[in-house]
Amino acid sequence: MESETITKADFDQFKRELKEELGVILRAVIPPSKTNISKGLKTKEVRTLFGCSTNKLVALRIARKIRTKKIGGTVYYHPEDIKRVLEDGF
């Protein structure tokens, strides 16, 4: 039984190959819209666009005029809903 010496360069190459393969698998399993949080707008950004208070945003959420997603304590607003509310006026 022969033994092989593995170098740091071998580990680095293995790491790169593993990341690439996992990326391909994850992209195939999870749709891109589920992974792209940057499409959502944060509360501060929406308040700036609307020129309103946080309470007004809460009221719009309760009235279900704006869909949201809360991830780790941060509320993200759907850009389509923001656009619609801006066009319709609130």
PDB file of N, CA and C in Angstrom:
ATOM      1  N   MET A   1       0.837  -1.175   0.000  1.00  0.00           N
ATOM      2  CA  MET A   1       0.000   0.000   0.000  1.00  0.00           C
ATOM      3  C   MET A   1       0.888   1.246   0.000  1.00  0.00           C
ATOM      4  N   GLU A   2       0.707   2.040  -1.032  1.00  0.00           N
ATOM      5  CA  GLU A   2       1.504   3.254  -1.147  1.00  0.00           C
ATOM      6  C   GLU A   2       0.786   4.422  -0.489  1.00  0.00           C
ATOM      7  N   SER A   3       1.556   5.336   0.025  1.00  0.00           N
ATOM      8  CA  SER A   3       0.964   6.547   0.594  1.00  0.00           C
ATOM      9  C   SER A   3       1.378   7.736  -0.265  1.00  0.00           C
ATOM     10  N   GLU A   4       0.471   8.711  -0.357  1.00  0.00           N
ATOM     11  CA  GLU A   4       0.729   9.909  -1.138  1.00  0.00           C
ATOM     12  C   GLU A   4       0.802  11.104  -0.215  1.00  0.00           C
ATOM     13  N   THR A   5       1.629  12.020  -0.564  1.00  0.00           N
ATOM     14  CA  THR A   5       1.724  13.255   0.197  1.00  0.00           C
ATOM     15  C   THR A   5       0.800  14.279  -0.445  1.00  0.00           C
ATOM     16  N   ILE A   6      -0.048  14.875   0.381  1.00  0.00           N
ATOM     17  CA  ILE A   6      -0.987  15.886  -0.106  1.00  0.00           C
ATOM     18  C   ILE A   6      -0.471  17.248   0.339  1.00  0.00           C
ATOM     19  N   THR A   7      -0.382  18.144  -0.602  1.00  0.00           N
ATOM     20  CA  THR A   7       0.140  19.473  -0.298  1.00  0.00           C
ATOM     21  C   THR A   7      -1.002  20.465  -0.101  1.00  0.00           C
ATOM     22  N   LYS A   8      -0.654  21.641   0.367  1.00  0.00           N
ATOM     23  CA  LYS A   8      -1.644  22.705   0.554  1.00  0.00           C
ATOM     24  C   LYS A   8      -2.263  23.084  -0.787  1.00  0.00           C
ATOM     25  N   ALA A   9      -1.471  23.072  -1.846  1.00  0.00           N
ATOM     26  CA  ALA A   9      -1.976  23.386  -3.185  1.00  0.00           C
ATOM     27  C   ALA A   9      -3.040  22.368  -3.609  1.00  0.00           C
ATOM     28  N   ASP A  10      -2.840  21.097  -3.247  1.00  0.00           N
ATOM     29  CA  ASP A  10      -3.836  20.074  -3.550  1.00  0.00           C
ATOM     30  C   ASP A  10      -5.151  20.362  -2.833  1.00  0.00           C
ATOM     31  N   PHE A  11      -5.054  20.752  -1.557  1.00  0.00           N
ATOM     32  CA  PHE A  11      -6.257  21.091  -0.796  1.00  0.00           C
ATOM     33  C   PHE A  11      -6.957  22.310  -1.397  1.00  0.00           C
ATOM     34  N   ASP A  12      -6.193  23.315  -1.806  1.00  0.00           N
ATOM     35  CA  ASP A  12      -6.783  24.507  -2.405  1.00  0.00           C
ATOM     36  C   ASP A  12      -7.507  24.172  -3.705  1.00  0.00           C
ATOM     37  N   GLN A  13      -6.914  23.330  -4.512  1.00  0.00           N
ATOM     38  CA  GLN A  13      -7.551  22.919  -5.757  1.00  0.00           C
ATOM     39  C   GLN A  13      -8.840  22.139  -5.467  1.00  0.00           C
ATOM     40  N   PHE A  14      -8.780  21.242  -4.511  1.00  0.00           N
ATOM     41  CA  PHE A  14      -9.957  20.472  -4.119  1.00  0.00           C
ATOM     42  C   PHE A  14     -11.069  21.404  -3.635  1.00  0.00           C
ATOM     43  N   LYS A  15     -10.703  22.410  -2.863  1.00  0.00           N
ATOM     44  CA  LYS A  15     -11.663  23.372  -2.333  1.00  0.00           C
ATOM     45  C   LYS A  15     -12.360  24.121  -3.473  1.00  0.00           C
ATOM     46  N   ARG A  16     -11.591  24.583  -4.461  1.00  0.00           N
ATOM     47  CA  ARG A  16     -12.170  25.295  -5.604  1.00  0.00           C
ATOM     48  C   ARG A  16     -13.122  24.395  -6.383  1.00  0.00           C
ATOM     49  N   GLU A  17     -12.716  23.171  -6.641  1.00  0.00           N
ATOM     50  CA  GLU A  17     -13.553  22.236  -7.392  1.00  0.00           C
ATOM     51  C   GLU A  17     -14.838  21.920  -6.629  1.00  0.00           C
ATOM     52  N   LEU A  18     -14.722  21.742  -5.328  1.00  0.00           N
ATOM     53  CA  LEU A  18     -15.894  21.441  -4.511  1.00  0.00           C
ATOM     54  C   LEU A  18     -16.877  22.616  -4.509  1.00  0.00           C
ATOM     55  N   LYS A  19     -16.358  23.840  -4.383  1.00  0.00           N
ATOM     56  CA  LYS A  19     -17.227  25.026  -4.412  1.00  0.00           C
ATOM     57  C   LYS A  19     -17.962  25.131  -5.742  1.00  0.00           C
ATOM     58  N   GLU A  20     -17.263  24.894  -6.835  1.00  0.00           N
ATOM     59  CA  GLU A  20     -17.882  24.966  -8.154  1.00  0.00           C
ATOM     60  C   GLU A  20     -18.994  23.935  -8.297  1.00  0.00           C
ATOM     61  N   GLU A  21     -18.728  22.713  -7.877  1.00  0.00           N
ATOM     62  CA  GLU A  21     -19.725  21.652  -7.992  1.00  0.00           C
ATOM     63  C   GLU A  21     -20.932  21.917  -7.110  1.00  0.00           C
ATOM     64  N   LEU A  22     -20.699  22.378  -5.889  1.00  0.00           N
ATOM     65  CA  LEU A  22     -21.816  22.700  -5.002  1.00  0.00           C
ATOM     66  C   LEU A  22     -22.636  23.857  -5.557  1.00  0.00           C
ATOM     67  N   GLY A  23     -21.975  24.845  -6.142  1.00  0.00           N
ATOM     68  CA  GLY A  23     -22.685  25.965  -6.757  1.00  0.00           C
ATOM     69  C   GLY A  23     -23.608  25.506  -7.868  1.00  0.00           C
ATOM     70  N   VAL A  24     -23.116  24.605  -8.711  1.00  0.00           N
ATOM     71  CA  VAL A  24     -23.929  24.076  -9.809  1.00  0.00           C
ATOM     72  C   VAL A  24     -25.139  23.326  -9.255  1.00  0.00           C
ATOM     73  N   ILE A  25     -24.930  22.514  -8.258  1.00  0.00           N
ATOM     74  CA  ILE A  25     -26.025  21.737  -7.663  1.00  0.00           C
ATOM     75  C   ILE A  25     -27.050  22.663  -7.018  1.00  0.00           C
ATOM     76  N   LEU A  26     -26.592  23.645  -6.245  1.00  0.00           N
ATOM     77  CA  LEU A  26     -27.520  24.552  -5.566  1.00  0.00           C
ATOM     78  C   LEU A  26     -28.307  25.402  -6.559  1.00  0.00           C
ATOM     79  N   ARG A  27     -27.666  25.865  -7.626  1.00  0.00           N
ATOM     80  CA  ARG A  27     -28.391  26.650  -8.627  1.00  0.00           C
ATOM     81  C   ARG A  27     -29.451  25.812  -9.311  1.00  0.00           C
ATOM     82  N   ALA A  28     -29.214  24.526  -9.462  1.00  0.00           N
ATOM     83  CA  ALA A  28     -30.189  23.650 -10.100  1.00  0.00           C
ATOM     84  C   ALA A  28     -31.369  23.364  -9.182  1.00  0.00           C
ATOM     85  N   VAL A  29     -31.113  23.319  -7.884  1.00  0.00           N
ATOM     86  CA  VAL A  29     -32.157  22.962  -6.920  1.00  0.00           C
ATOM     87  C   VAL A  29     -32.949  24.185  -6.457  1.00  0.00           C
ATOM     88  N   ILE A  30     -32.272  25.289  -6.199  1.00  0.00           N
ATOM     89  CA  ILE A  30     -32.916  26.490  -5.658  1.00  0.00           C
ATOM     90  C   ILE A  30     -33.042  27.520  -6.770  1.00  0.00           C
ATOM     91  N   PRO A  31     -34.275  27.996  -7.053  1.00  0.00           N
ATOM     92  CA  PRO A  31     -34.439  29.013  -8.089  1.00  0.00           C
ATOM     93  C   PRO A  31     -33.714  30.304  -7.708  1.00  0.00           C
ATOM     94  N   PRO A  32     -33.210  31.057  -8.684  1.00  0.00           N
ATOM     95  CA  PRO A  32     -32.461  32.281  -8.392  1.00  0.00           C
ATOM     96  C   PRO A  32     -33.267  33.316  -7.619  1.00  0.00           C
ATOM     97  N   SER A  33     -34.573  33.392  -7.827  1.00  0.00           N
ATOM     98  CA  SER A  33     -35.375  34.395  -7.129  1.00  0.00           C
ATOM     99  C   SER A  33     -35.393  34.150  -5.627  1.00  0.00           C
ATOM    100  N   LYS A  34     -35.201  32.916  -5.203  1.00  0.00           N
ATOM    101  CA  LYS A  34     -35.187  32.600  -3.780  1.00  0.00           C
ATOM    102  C   LYS A  34     -33.860  32.966  -3.117  1.00  0.00           C
ATOM    103  N   THR A  35     -32.801  33.053  -3.913  1.00  0.00           N
ATOM    104  CA  THR A  35     -31.490  33.312  -3.333  1.00  0.00           C
ATOM    105  C   THR A  35     -31.083  34.765  -3.402  1.00  0.00           C
ATOM    106  N   ASN A  36     -31.782  35.578  -4.199  1.00  0.00           N
ATOM    107  CA  ASN A  36     -31.366  36.961  -4.384  1.00  0.00           C
ATOM    108  C   ASN A  36     -32.145  37.887  -3.465  1.00  0.00           C
ATOM    109  N   ILE A  37     -31.597  38.131  -2.299  1.00  0.00           N
ATOM    110  CA  ILE A  37     -32.252  39.008  -1.339  1.00  0.00           C
ATOM    111  C   ILE A  37     -32.137  40.460  -1.786  1.00  0.00           C
ATOM    112  N   SER A  38     -31.121  40.764  -2.566  1.00  0.00           N
ATOM    113  CA  SER A  38     -30.890  42.149  -2.953  1.00  0.00           C
ATOM    114  C   SER A  38     -32.041  42.732  -3.761  1.00  0.00           C
ATOM    115  N   LYS A  39     -32.930  41.903  -4.281  1.00  0.00           N
ATOM    116  CA  LYS A  39     -34.088  42.413  -5.007  1.00  0.00           C
ATOM    117  C   LYS A  39     -35.071  43.091  -4.064  1.00  0.00           C
ATOM    118  N   GLY A  40     -35.036  42.736  -2.800  1.00  0.00           N
ATOM    119  CA  GLY A  40     -35.932  43.352  -1.832  1.00  0.00           C
ATOM    120  C   GLY A  40     -35.370  44.672  -1.341  1.00  0.00           C
ATOM    121  N   LEU A  41     -36.266  45.580  -0.993  1.00  0.00           N
ATOM    122  CA  LEU A  41     -35.860  46.883  -0.476  1.00  0.00           C
ATOM    123  C   LEU A  41     -36.013  46.897   1.034  1.00  0.00           C
ATOM    124  N   LYS A  42     -35.054  47.488   1.718  1.00  0.00           N
ATOM    125  CA  LYS A  42     -35.121  47.582   3.168  1.00  0.00           C
ATOM    126  C   LYS A  42     -36.045  48.726   3.571  1.00  0.00           C
ATOM    127  N   THR A  43     -36.451  48.729   4.843  1.00  0.00           N
ATOM    128  CA  THR A  43     -37.396  49.712   5.364  1.00  0.00           C
ATOM    129  C   THR A  43     -36.915  51.138   5.115  1.00  0.00           C
ATOM    130  N   LYS A  44     -35.662  51.406   5.375  1.00  0.00           N
ATOM    131  CA  LYS A  44     -35.137  52.767   5.212  1.00  0.00           C
ATOM    132  C   LYS A  44     -35.232  53.227   3.756  1.00  0.00           C
ATOM    133  N   GLU A  45     -34.954  52.319   2.822  1.00  0.00           N
ATOM    134  CA  GLU A  45     -35.037  52.663   1.400  1.00  0.00           C
ATOM    135  C   GLU A  45     -36.470  52.976   0.988  1.00  0.00           C
ATOM    136  N   VAL A  46     -37.420  52.175   1.490  1.00  0.00           N
ATOM    137  CA  VAL A  46     -38.825  52.386   1.148  1.00  0.00           C
ATOM    138  C   VAL A  46     -39.331  53.688   1.772  1.00  0.00           C
ATOM    139  N   ARG A  47     -38.930  53.956   3.007  1.00  0.00           N
ATOM    140  CA  ARG A  47     -39.333  55.208   3.654  1.00  0.00           C
ATOM    141  C   ARG A  47     -38.827  56.408   2.868  1.00  0.00           C
ATOM    142  N   THR A  48     -37.623  56.319   2.340  1.00  0.00           N
ATOM    143  CA  THR A  48     -37.074  57.406   1.539  1.00  0.00           C
ATOM    144  C   THR A  48     -37.876  57.595   0.256  1.00  0.00           C
ATOM    145  N   LEU A  49     -38.234  56.483  -0.405  1.00  0.00           N
ATOM    146  CA  LEU A  49     -39.026  56.566  -1.635  1.00  0.00           C
ATOM    147  C   LEU A  49     -40.406  57.160  -1.383  1.00  0.00           C
ATOM    148  N   PHE A  50     -41.056  56.718  -0.317  1.00  0.00           N
ATOM    149  CA  PHE A  50     -42.410  57.161  -0.008  1.00  0.00           C
ATOM    150  C   PHE A  50     -42.421  58.507   0.707  1.00  0.00           C
ATOM    151  N   GLY A  51     -41.351  58.807   1.414  1.00  0.00           N
ATOM    152  CA  GLY A  51     -41.325  60.010   2.237  1.00  0.00           C
ATOM    153  C   GLY A  51     -42.311  59.893   3.386  1.00  0.00           C
ATOM    154  N   CYS A  52     -42.317  58.734   4.023  1.00  0.00           N
ATOM    155  CA  CYS A  52     -43.280  58.491   5.091  1.00  0.00           C
ATOM    156  C   CYS A  52     -42.587  57.914   6.320  1.00  0.00           C
ATOM    157  N   SER A  53     -43.375  57.725   7.366  1.00  0.00           N
ATOM    158  CA  SER A  53     -42.860  57.184   8.621  1.00  0.00           C
ATOM    159  C   SER A  53     -42.899  55.662   8.610  1.00  0.00           C
ATOM    160  N   THR A  54     -42.255  55.094   9.603  1.00  0.00           N
ATOM    161  CA  THR A  54     -42.275  53.642   9.771  1.00  0.00           C
ATOM    162  C   THR A  54     -43.693  53.161  10.048  1.00  0.00           C
ATOM    163  N   ASN A  55     -44.455  53.953  10.816  1.00  0.00           N
ATOM    164  CA  ASN A  55     -45.836  53.568  11.134  1.00  0.00           C
ATOM    165  C   ASN A  55     -46.691  53.453   9.879  1.00  0.00           C
ATOM    166  N   LYS A  56     -46.459  54.324   8.894  1.00  0.00           N
ATOM    167  CA  LYS A  56     -47.211  54.255   7.639  1.00  0.00           C
ATOM    168  C   LYS A  56     -46.882  52.960   6.893  1.00  0.00           C
ATOM    169  N   LEU A  57     -45.620  52.557   6.914  1.00  0.00           N
ATOM    170  CA  LEU A  57     -45.246  51.293   6.266  1.00  0.00           C
ATOM    171  C   LEU A  57     -45.906  50.112   6.971  1.00  0.00           C
ATOM    172  N   VAL A  58     -45.946  50.167   8.296  1.00  0.00           N
ATOM    173  CA  VAL A  58     -46.607  49.095   9.058  1.00  0.00           C
ATOM    174  C   VAL A  58     -48.084  49.038   8.678  1.00  0.00           C
ATOM    175  N   ALA A  59     -48.712  50.202   8.533  1.00  0.00           N
ATOM    176  CA  ALA A  59     -50.127  50.242   8.149  1.00  0.00           C
ATOM    177  C   ALA A  59     -50.331  49.644   6.756  1.00  0.00           C
ATOM    178  N   LEU A  60     -49.426  49.931   5.824  1.00  0.00           N
ATOM    179  CA  LEU A  60     -49.528  49.355   4.481  1.00  0.00           C
ATOM    180  C   LEU A  60     -49.320  47.841   4.511  1.00  0.00           C
ATOM    181  N   ARG A  61     -48.424  47.378   5.388  1.00  0.00           N
ATOM    182  CA  ARG A  61     -48.227  45.928   5.531  1.00  0.00           C
ATOM    183  C   ARG A  61     -49.467  45.269   6.100  1.00  0.00           C
ATOM    184  N   ILE A  62     -50.065  45.884   7.122  1.00  0.00           N
ATOM    185  CA  ILE A  62     -51.260  45.306   7.749  1.00  0.00           C
ATOM    186  C   ILE A  62     -52.415  45.275   6.748  1.00  0.00           C
ATOM    187  N   ALA A  63     -52.529  46.319   5.926  1.00  0.00           N
ATOM    188  CA  ALA A  63     -53.577  46.377   4.905  1.00  0.00           C
ATOM    189  C   ALA A  63     -53.277  45.449   3.726  1.00  0.00           C
ATOM    190  N   ARG A  64     -52.120  44.795   3.769  1.00  0.00           N
ATOM    191  CA  ARG A  64     -51.677  43.857   2.726  1.00  0.00           C
ATOM    192  C   ARG A  64     -51.522  44.522   1.363  1.00  0.00           C
ATOM    193  N   LYS A  65     -51.116  45.772   1.376  1.00  0.00           N
ATOM    194  CA  LYS A  65     -50.824  46.461   0.127  1.00  0.00           C
ATOM    195  C   LYS A  65     -49.378  46.237  -0.288  1.00  0.00           C
ATOM    196  N   ILE A  66     -48.528  45.898   0.683  1.00  0.00           N
ATOM    197  CA  ILE A  66     -47.119  45.644   0.418  1.00  0.00           C
ATOM    198  C   ILE A  66     -46.744  44.298   1.035  1.00  0.00           C
ATOM    199  N   ARG A  67     -46.209  43.405   0.206  1.00  0.00           N
ATOM    200  CA  ARG A  67     -45.733  42.127   0.724  1.00  0.00           C
ATOM    201  C   ARG A  67     -44.331  42.300   1.286  1.00  0.00           C
ATOM    202  N   THR A  68     -44.054  41.586   2.350  1.00  0.00           N
ATOM    203  CA  THR A  68     -42.742  41.673   2.975  1.00  0.00           C
ATOM    204  C   THR A  68     -42.206  40.286   3.280  1.00  0.00           C
ATOM    205  N   LYS A  69     -40.912  40.265   3.546  1.00  0.00           N
ATOM    206  CA  LYS A  69     -40.253  39.046   3.999  1.00  0.00           C
ATOM    207  C   LYS A  69     -39.276  39.470   5.077  1.00  0.00           C
ATOM    208  N   LYS A  70     -39.330  38.819   6.218  1.00  0.00           N
ATOM    209  CA  LYS A  70     -38.436  39.151   7.311  1.00  0.00           C
ATOM    210  C   LYS A  70     -37.347  38.094   7.399  1.00  0.00           C
ATOM    211  N   ILE A  71     -36.111  38.549   7.274  1.00  0.00           N
ATOM    212  CA  ILE A  71     -34.977  37.635   7.323  1.00  0.00           C
ATOM    213  C   ILE A  71     -34.005  38.161   8.365  1.00  0.00           C
ATOM    214  N   GLY A  72     -33.868  37.415   9.447  1.00  0.00           N
ATOM    215  CA  GLY A  72     -32.920  37.779  10.490  1.00  0.00           C
ATOM    216  C   GLY A  72     -33.176  39.133  11.111  1.00  0.00           C
ATOM    217  N   GLY A  73     -34.422  39.511  11.272  1.00  0.00           N
ATOM    218  CA  GLY A  73     -34.752  40.779  11.896  1.00  0.00           C
ATOM    219  C   GLY A  73     -34.823  41.939  10.917  1.00  0.00           C
ATOM    220  N   THR A  74     -34.470  41.731   9.665  1.00  0.00           N
ATOM    221  CA  THR A  74     -34.548  42.783   8.655  1.00  0.00           C
ATOM    222  C   THR A  74     -35.758  42.525   7.772  1.00  0.00           C
ATOM    223  N   VAL A  75     -36.567  43.562   7.564  1.00  0.00           N
ATOM    224  CA  VAL A  75     -37.767  43.446   6.737  1.00  0.00           C
ATOM    225  C   VAL A  75     -37.416  43.885   5.316  1.00  0.00           C
ATOM    226  N   TYR A  76     -37.728  43.028   4.351  1.00  0.00           N
ATOM    227  CA  TYR A  76     -37.512  43.327   2.944  1.00  0.00           C
ATOM    228  C   TYR A  76     -38.864  43.476   2.262  1.00  0.00           C
ATOM    229  N   TYR A  77     -39.003  44.510   1.438  1.00  0.00           N
ATOM    230  CA  TYR A  77     -40.241  44.787   0.724  1.00  0.00           C
ATOM    231  C   TYR A  77     -40.089  44.404  -0.736  1.00  0.00           C
ATOM    232  N   HIS A  78     -41.159  43.855  -1.326  1.00  0.00           N
ATOM    233  CA  HIS A  78     -41.140  43.452  -2.726  1.00  0.00           C
ATOM    234  C   HIS A  78     -41.168  44.690  -3.620  1.00  0.00           C
ATOM    235  N   PRO A  79     -40.207  44.817  -4.531  1.00  0.00           N
ATOM    236  CA  PRO A  79     -40.135  46.001  -5.398  1.00  0.00           C
ATOM    237  C   PRO A  79     -41.380  46.197  -6.267  1.00  0.00           C
ATOM    238  N   GLU A  80     -42.004  45.107  -6.706  1.00  0.00           N
ATOM    239  CA  GLU A  80     -43.200  45.222  -7.536  1.00  0.00           C
ATOM    240  C   GLU A  80     -44.321  45.907  -6.763  1.00  0.00           C
ATOM    241  N   ASP A  81     -44.467  45.558  -5.491  1.00  0.00           N
ATOM    242  CA  ASP A  81     -45.508  46.159  -4.662  1.00  0.00           C
ATOM    243  C   ASP A  81     -45.218  47.637  -4.416  1.00  0.00           C
ATOM    244  N   ILE A  82     -43.951  47.962  -4.212  1.00  0.00           N
ATOM    245  CA  ILE A  82     -43.567  49.350  -3.989  1.00  0.00           C
ATOM    246  C   ILE A  82     -43.899  50.173  -5.233  1.00  0.00           C
ATOM    247  N   LYS A  83     -43.567  49.640  -6.398  1.00  0.00           N
ATOM    248  CA  LYS A  83     -43.847  50.338  -7.648  1.00  0.00           C
ATOM    249  C   LYS A  83     -45.344  50.551  -7.819  1.00  0.00           C
ATOM    250  N   ARG A  84     -46.128  49.507  -7.539  1.00  0.00           N
ATOM    251  CA  ARG A  84     -47.582  49.596  -7.685  1.00  0.00           C
ATOM    252  C   ARG A  84     -48.170  50.644  -6.754  1.00  0.00           C
ATOM    253  N   VAL A  85     -47.721  50.665  -5.497  1.00  0.00           N
ATOM    254  CA  VAL A  85     -48.229  51.623  -4.515  1.00  0.00           C
ATOM    255  C   VAL A  85     -47.851  53.045  -4.926  1.00  0.00           C
ATOM    256  N   LEU A  86     -46.622  53.218  -5.441  1.00  0.00           N
ATOM    257  CA  LEU A  86     -46.211  54.549  -5.889  1.00  0.00           C
ATOM    258  C   LEU A  86     -47.053  55.020  -7.064  1.00  0.00           C
ATOM    259  N   GLU A  87     -47.378  54.104  -7.984  1.00  0.00           N
ATOM    260  CA  GLU A  87     -48.197  54.462  -9.143  1.00  0.00           C
ATOM    261  C   GLU A  87     -49.633  54.771  -8.748  1.00  0.00           C
ATOM    262  N   ASP A  88     -50.181  53.977  -7.835  1.00  0.00           N
ATOM    263  CA  ASP A  88     -51.569  54.165  -7.404  1.00  0.00           C
ATOM    264  C   ASP A  88     -51.713  55.314  -6.417  1.00  0.00           C
ATOM    265  N   GLY A  89     -50.656  55.638  -5.740  1.00  0.00           N
ATOM    266  CA  GLY A  89     -50.717  56.631  -4.668  1.00  0.00           C
ATOM    267  C   GLY A  89     -51.201  55.958  -3.393  1.00  0.00           C
ATOM    268  N   PHE A  90     -50.741  56.445  -2.309  1.00  0.00           N
ATOM    269  CA  PHE A  90     -51.160  55.842  -1.039  1.00  0.00           C
ATOM    270  C   PHE A  90     -51.663  56.914  -0.177  1.00  0.00           C
TER     271      PHE A  90
END
